Amino acid sequence: MHRLRQSVTEAPIIDKDGYSYLVHPLSNCVPTLDPGLLREVVVEIIRAADLEDVDKIVTPEAMGIHLSTAVSLMTDIPLVVIRKREYGLPGEVSLAKSTGYAESEMYINDVDRGDRVLLLDDLISTGGTMAAIVTALDDIGADIVDIVVAIRKIGGEDALDGIDHPVKTLIDIEVGDGKVSIVDEFGRTEP
């Protein structure tokens, strides 16, 4: 995962009303998303994910879409996008999400009781969006087979502490003093 490691350490960090916001190609498509980085991350997601008997890949709008589309193309598993817009379709489920810098509504369509889903996303920071999505999928009665996220920003609030599903990440990072440190799976910090 050389490209992913390099990309997070080179990513700019901006202050967004006191929140250290990582500007990363996977999360923002700024700077430009290199196809080699996208390919590397998609291959690692497929290796990490439990894909057995998954009916649908579920991802939140907007930045989970490109990763999940690529995984869908590689695995032939259909894709459902949780949207920020209400469509009013039969069975639509709304959820309220809260992140480190915003609160909003999202809407789930085409996920039914008993669907076996793989939940994918690009980045978790506070976990607010993911926690809200997991709660909504549980309420629907979907079977969350696995949750995989490319990057997890650790430190501070973690809304995922309250969910009953493990979350796999490709890389865990800490952001502080205007820089990114990579924390591996053993908790060892690398500059």
Protein backbone atom coordinates (compact mmCIF):
# COMPACT_ATOMS: atom_id res chain seq x y z
CA MET A 1 0.00 0.00 0.00
CA HIS A 2 2.86 2.28 -0.85
CA ARG A 3 0.72 4.74 -2.81
CA LEU A 4 -1.89 5.05 -0.08
CA ARG A 5 0.75 5.63 2.60
CA GLN A 6 2.49 8.26 0.48
CA SER A 7 -0.77 9.98 -0.44
CA VAL A 8 -1.91 10.46 3.17
CA THR A 9 1.42 11.84 4.32
CA GLU A 10 1.48 14.32 1.41
CA ALA A 11 -2.18 15.39 1.75
CA PRO A 12 -2.85 19.00 2.76
CA ILE A 13 -4.62 19.68 6.06
CA ILE A 14 -6.89 22.70 6.35
CA ASP A 15 -8.61 24.20 9.37
CA LYS A 16 -12.39 24.14 8.97
CA ASP A 17 -13.76 26.08 11.96
CA GLY A 18 -11.36 24.40 14.38
CA TYR A 19 -11.60 20.98 12.72
CA SER A 20 -8.42 19.60 11.07
CA TYR A 21 -9.73 18.53 7.66
CA LEU A 22 -7.59 16.18 5.55
CA VAL A 23 -7.82 17.06 1.84
CA HIS A 24 -7.11 13.71 0.17
CA PRO A 25 -7.59 12.41 -3.39
CA LEU A 26 -9.81 9.51 -2.21
CA SER A 27 -12.00 11.76 -0.08
CA ASN A 28 -12.08 14.90 -2.18
CA CYS A 29 -10.59 14.13 -5.62
CA VAL A 30 -8.29 17.04 -4.75
CA PRO A 31 -5.43 16.80 -5.40
CA THR A 32 -6.13 14.77 -8.55
CA LEU A 33 -6.94 11.11 -7.93
CA ASP A 34 -4.24 9.01 -9.58
CA PRO A 35 -5.63 5.80 -11.17
CA GLY A 36 -2.76 3.81 -9.62
CA LEU A 37 -3.81 4.92 -6.12
CA LEU A 38 -7.46 4.12 -6.84
CA ARG A 39 -6.53 0.69 -8.22
CA GLU A 40 -4.31 -0.08 -5.21
CA VAL A 41 -7.05 0.86 -2.74
CA VAL A 42 -9.75 -1.08 -4.60
CA VAL A 43 -7.59 -4.22 -4.72
CA GLU A 44 -6.90 -3.90 -0.97
CA ILE A 45 -10.61 -3.41 -0.22
CA ILE A 46 -11.45 -6.57 -2.17
CA ARG A 47 -8.74 -8.47 -0.25
CA ALA A 48 -9.96 -7.16 3.12
CA ALA A 49 -13.72 -7.53 2.60
CA ASP A 50 -15.81 -10.59 3.32
CA LEU A 51 -17.54 -10.89 -0.06
CA GLU A 52 -19.20 -14.28 0.50
CA ASP A 53 -22.90 -14.13 -0.34
CA VAL A 54 -23.03 -10.31 -0.47
CA ASP A 55 -26.14 -9.10 -2.31
CA LYS A 56 -25.30 -5.40 -2.50
CA ILE A 57 -22.50 -2.94 -1.91
CA VAL A 58 -23.82 0.07 0.01
CA THR A 59 -21.95 3.39 0.11
CA PRO A 60 -22.73 6.95 1.15
CA GLU A 61 -22.74 9.81 -1.31
CA ALA A 62 -20.46 11.34 -2.44
CA MET A 63 -16.90 10.19 -2.02
CA GLY A 64 -17.58 6.52 -1.39
CA ILE A 65 -19.08 6.28 -4.87
CA HIS A 66 -15.90 6.00 -6.94
CA LEU A 67 -14.37 3.35 -4.65
CA SER A 68 -17.59 1.36 -4.46
CA THR A 69 -18.21 1.61 -8.21
CA ALA A 70 -14.76 0.18 -8.89
CA VAL A 71 -15.31 -2.62 -6.34
CA SER A 72 -18.71 -3.35 -7.91
CA LEU A 73 -17.14 -3.57 -11.37
CA MET A 74 -14.43 -5.93 -10.11
CA THR A 75 -16.80 -8.21 -8.13
CA ASP A 76 -20.08 -8.01 -10.08
CA ILE A 77 -21.91 -7.08 -6.87
CA PRO A 78 -24.67 -4.46 -7.43
CA LEU A 79 -24.20 -1.00 -5.90
CA VAL A 80 -26.61 1.09 -3.82
CA VAL A 81 -25.74 4.71 -3.02
CA ILE A 82 -27.12 6.35 0.10
CA ARG A 83 -28.13 9.76 -1.19
CA LYS A 84 -28.22 13.25 0.27
CA ARG A 85 -31.43 13.92 -1.67
CA GLU A 86 -34.89 12.62 -0.85
CA TYR A 87 -36.66 10.96 -3.78
CA GLY A 88 -39.83 9.84 -2.04
CA LEU A 89 -39.67 6.33 -3.50
CA PRO A 90 -41.58 3.52 -1.76
CA GLY A 91 -39.56 2.13 1.15
CA GLU A 92 -37.16 5.08 1.31
CA VAL A 93 -35.55 5.40 4.74
CA SER A 94 -34.15 8.68 6.04
CA LEU A 95 -31.34 9.02 8.54
CA ALA A 96 -29.78 11.97 10.34
CA LYS A 97 -26.00 12.14 10.34
CA SER A 98 -23.63 14.30 12.32
CA THR A 99 -19.95 14.71 11.51
CA GLY A 100 -17.15 16.79 12.98
CA TYR A 101 -18.20 19.73 10.82
CA ALA A 102 -21.82 19.26 9.63
CA GLU A 103 -25.25 17.77 10.27
CA SER A 104 -27.59 16.61 7.49
CA GLU A 105 -30.08 14.01 6.28
CA MET A 106 -29.39 11.06 4.00
CA TYR A 107 -31.76 8.62 2.30
CA ILE A 108 -31.56 4.88 1.68
CA ASN A 109 -33.43 3.26 -1.20
CA ASP A 110 -33.37 -0.33 -2.47
CA VAL A 111 -32.07 -2.02 0.68
CA ASP A 112 -34.53 -4.49 2.14
CA ARG A 113 -34.84 -6.73 5.18
CA GLY A 114 -32.53 -9.72 4.74
CA ASP A 115 -30.27 -8.11 2.13
CA ARG A 116 -26.66 -9.09 2.79
CA VAL A 117 -24.65 -5.89 2.36
CA LEU A 118 -21.04 -4.79 2.24
CA LEU A 119 -20.77 -1.23 3.52
CA LEU A 120 -17.88 0.73 1.95
CA ASP A 121 -16.59 4.26 2.39
CA ASP A 122 -13.50 6.34 1.70
CA LEU A 123 -12.77 7.89 5.11
CA ILE A 124 -14.01 7.83 8.68
CA SER A 125 -13.18 10.73 10.93
CA THR A 126 -15.64 11.04 13.82
CA GLY A 127 -17.68 8.04 12.64
CA GLY A 128 -20.93 9.99 12.74
CA THR A 129 -21.99 9.20 9.18
CA MET A 130 -21.06 5.52 9.44
CA ALA A 131 -22.80 5.09 12.81
CA ALA A 132 -26.01 6.63 11.43
CA ILE A 133 -25.89 4.41 8.34
CA VAL A 134 -25.26 1.25 10.37
CA THR A 135 -28.17 2.07 12.68
CA ALA A 136 -30.48 2.68 9.70
CA LEU A 137 -29.40 -0.57 7.97
CA ASP A 138 -29.93 -2.50 11.22
CA ASP A 139 -33.38 -0.91 11.58
CA ILE A 140 -34.24 -1.96 8.02
CA GLY A 141 -33.20 -5.51 8.88
CA ALA A 142 -30.32 -5.72 6.42
CA ASP A 143 -27.51 -8.13 7.29
CA ILE A 144 -24.27 -6.13 7.36
CA VAL A 145 -21.74 -8.74 6.24
CA ASP A 146 -18.75 -6.43 6.47
CA ILE A 147 -17.73 -2.76 6.73
CA VAL A 148 -14.55 -1.62 5.01
CA VAL A 149 -13.17 1.92 4.95
CA ALA A 150 -10.01 3.03 3.16
CA ILE A 151 -8.78 5.61 5.70
CA ARG A 152 -9.64 6.12 9.36
CA LYS A 153 -8.67 9.32 11.12
CA ILE A 154 -8.26 8.38 14.78
CA GLY A 155 -8.17 10.48 17.90
CA GLY A 156 -11.00 12.43 19.45
CA GLU A 157 -14.68 11.56 19.23
CA ASP A 158 -15.59 8.13 17.85
CA ALA A 159 -19.27 7.52 17.17
CA LEU A 160 -18.44 3.95 16.10
CA ASP A 161 -17.93 2.93 19.72
CA GLY A 162 -21.69 2.46 19.96
CA ILE A 163 -22.19 0.09 17.00
CA ASP A 164 -22.14 -3.71 17.08
CA HIS A 165 -20.24 -4.21 13.82
CA PRO A 166 -16.47 -4.25 13.39
CA VAL A 167 -15.03 -1.78 10.88
CA LYS A 168 -12.01 -2.80 8.80
CA THR A 169 -9.71 -0.04 7.62
CA LEU A 170 -6.83 -0.11 5.19
CA ILE A 171 -4.89 2.56 7.02
CA ASP A 172 -5.36 4.45 10.29
CA ILE A 173 -3.97 7.96 10.60
CA GLU A 174 -3.63 10.69 13.19
CA VAL A 175 -3.71 14.34 12.20
CA GLY A 176 -1.92 16.85 14.40
CA ASP A 177 0.31 19.88 14.18
CA GLY A 178 -0.51 20.21 10.49
CA LYS A 179 0.78 16.77 9.54
CA VAL A 180 -0.38 13.18 9.21
CA SER A 181 1.09 10.23 11.09
CA ILE A 182 0.32 6.68 10.01
CA VAL A 183 -0.71 4.30 12.78
CA ASP A 184 -0.42 0.65 11.79
CA GLU A 185 -2.61 -2.22 12.96
CA PHE A 186 -0.39 -2.80 15.96
CA GLY A 187 -0.77 0.78 17.20
CA ARG A 188 2.82 1.73 16.33
CA THR A 189 3.12 5.28 15.00
CA GLU A 190 5.27 6.01 11.98
CA PRO A 191 6.27 9.56 10.99
